[in-house]
Each structure stands twice: as structure tokens, then as C-alpha cells.
Amino acid sequence: MSMLQHVSVAKQANVYFNGKVTSRSVVFADGTRQTLGVVVISPFLTEIKSRYLGH
């Protein structure tokens, strides 16, 4: 599926790493809830990977 149909997306975002990473709740028509995360591509990603994946 390339498009999500009949969903609600929360306006309020969870913001991490000085705004480089955000997440929002997505609620589907059947009531299930998932998280949509957005990461800004930058050298900052190396820091995240190192910190959380132990690389």
C-alpha cells in the first residue's frame, strides 16, 4: 500500500535530538494505533546510531 486511507494523525509530535527526530501517533479506522517516525538526514544520524546501537 503506497497511501494510507482513513487515518487520523496527531498534531502533537514527540520531538527528540533538537528536532532532528520526531514521531506522531497514527490512528487507523479500526482503532489500531501506530507510530510514524521522521528522521532528518544528516551527520547527526551517526551520533544516534553510535549512542543507541553501540556502534
Protein backbone atom coordinates (compact mmCIF):
# COMPACT_ATOMS: atom_id res chain seq x y z
CA MET A 1 0.00 0.00 0.00
CA SER A 2 1.55 3.31 -1.02
CA MET A 3 -1.08 5.53 0.62
CA LEU A 4 -2.75 5.27 4.00
CA GLN A 5 -6.50 5.75 3.78
CA HIS A 6 -8.92 6.82 6.54
CA VAL A 7 -6.38 7.65 9.24
CA SER A 8 -6.03 10.37 11.86
CA VAL A 9 -2.60 11.81 12.67
CA ALA A 10 -1.92 13.57 15.96
CA LYS A 11 -0.81 17.20 15.58
CA GLN A 12 1.28 16.97 18.74
CA ALA A 13 4.69 15.47 17.97
CA ASN A 14 7.22 13.87 20.24
CA VAL A 15 10.45 15.69 19.44
CA TYR A 16 13.92 14.31 20.12
CA PHE A 17 17.53 15.29 19.41
CA ASN A 18 16.93 19.02 18.93
CA GLY A 19 14.13 18.43 16.42
CA LYS A 20 16.11 16.05 14.21
CA VAL A 21 13.79 13.15 15.12
CA THR A 22 10.02 13.40 15.53
CA SER A 23 7.21 10.90 15.96
CA ARG A 24 3.45 11.13 15.77
CA SER A 25 0.61 8.74 16.54
CA VAL A 26 -1.42 7.47 13.61
CA VAL A 27 -4.87 6.02 14.34
CA PHE A 28 -6.49 3.81 11.71
CA ALA A 29 -10.21 3.48 11.01
CA ASP A 30 -10.37 0.22 13.00
CA GLY A 31 -8.90 1.96 16.08
CA THR A 32 -5.41 0.48 15.87
CA ARG A 33 -2.59 2.88 16.64
CA GLN A 34 0.92 3.01 15.20
CA THR A 35 3.78 5.48 15.38
CA LEU A 36 5.14 7.39 12.42
CA GLY A 37 8.74 8.48 12.91
CA VAL A 38 10.66 11.04 10.84
CA VAL A 39 14.43 11.43 10.95
CA VAL A 40 16.23 14.36 9.31
CA ILE A 41 19.11 13.03 7.23
CA SER A 42 22.39 14.48 8.48
CA PRO A 43 25.72 13.55 10.08
CA PHE A 44 23.66 13.59 13.28
CA LEU A 45 22.47 10.06 12.39
CA THR A 46 25.94 8.69 13.10
CA GLU A 47 25.68 10.02 16.65
CA ILE A 48 22.26 8.39 17.14
CA LYS A 49 23.47 5.07 15.75
CA SER A 50 26.53 5.12 17.95
CA ARG A 51 24.62 6.05 21.09
CA TYR A 52 21.73 3.61 20.76
CA LEU A 53 23.11 0.72 18.77
CA GLY A 54 26.52 0.57 20.40
CA HIS A 55 28.48 1.09 17.18
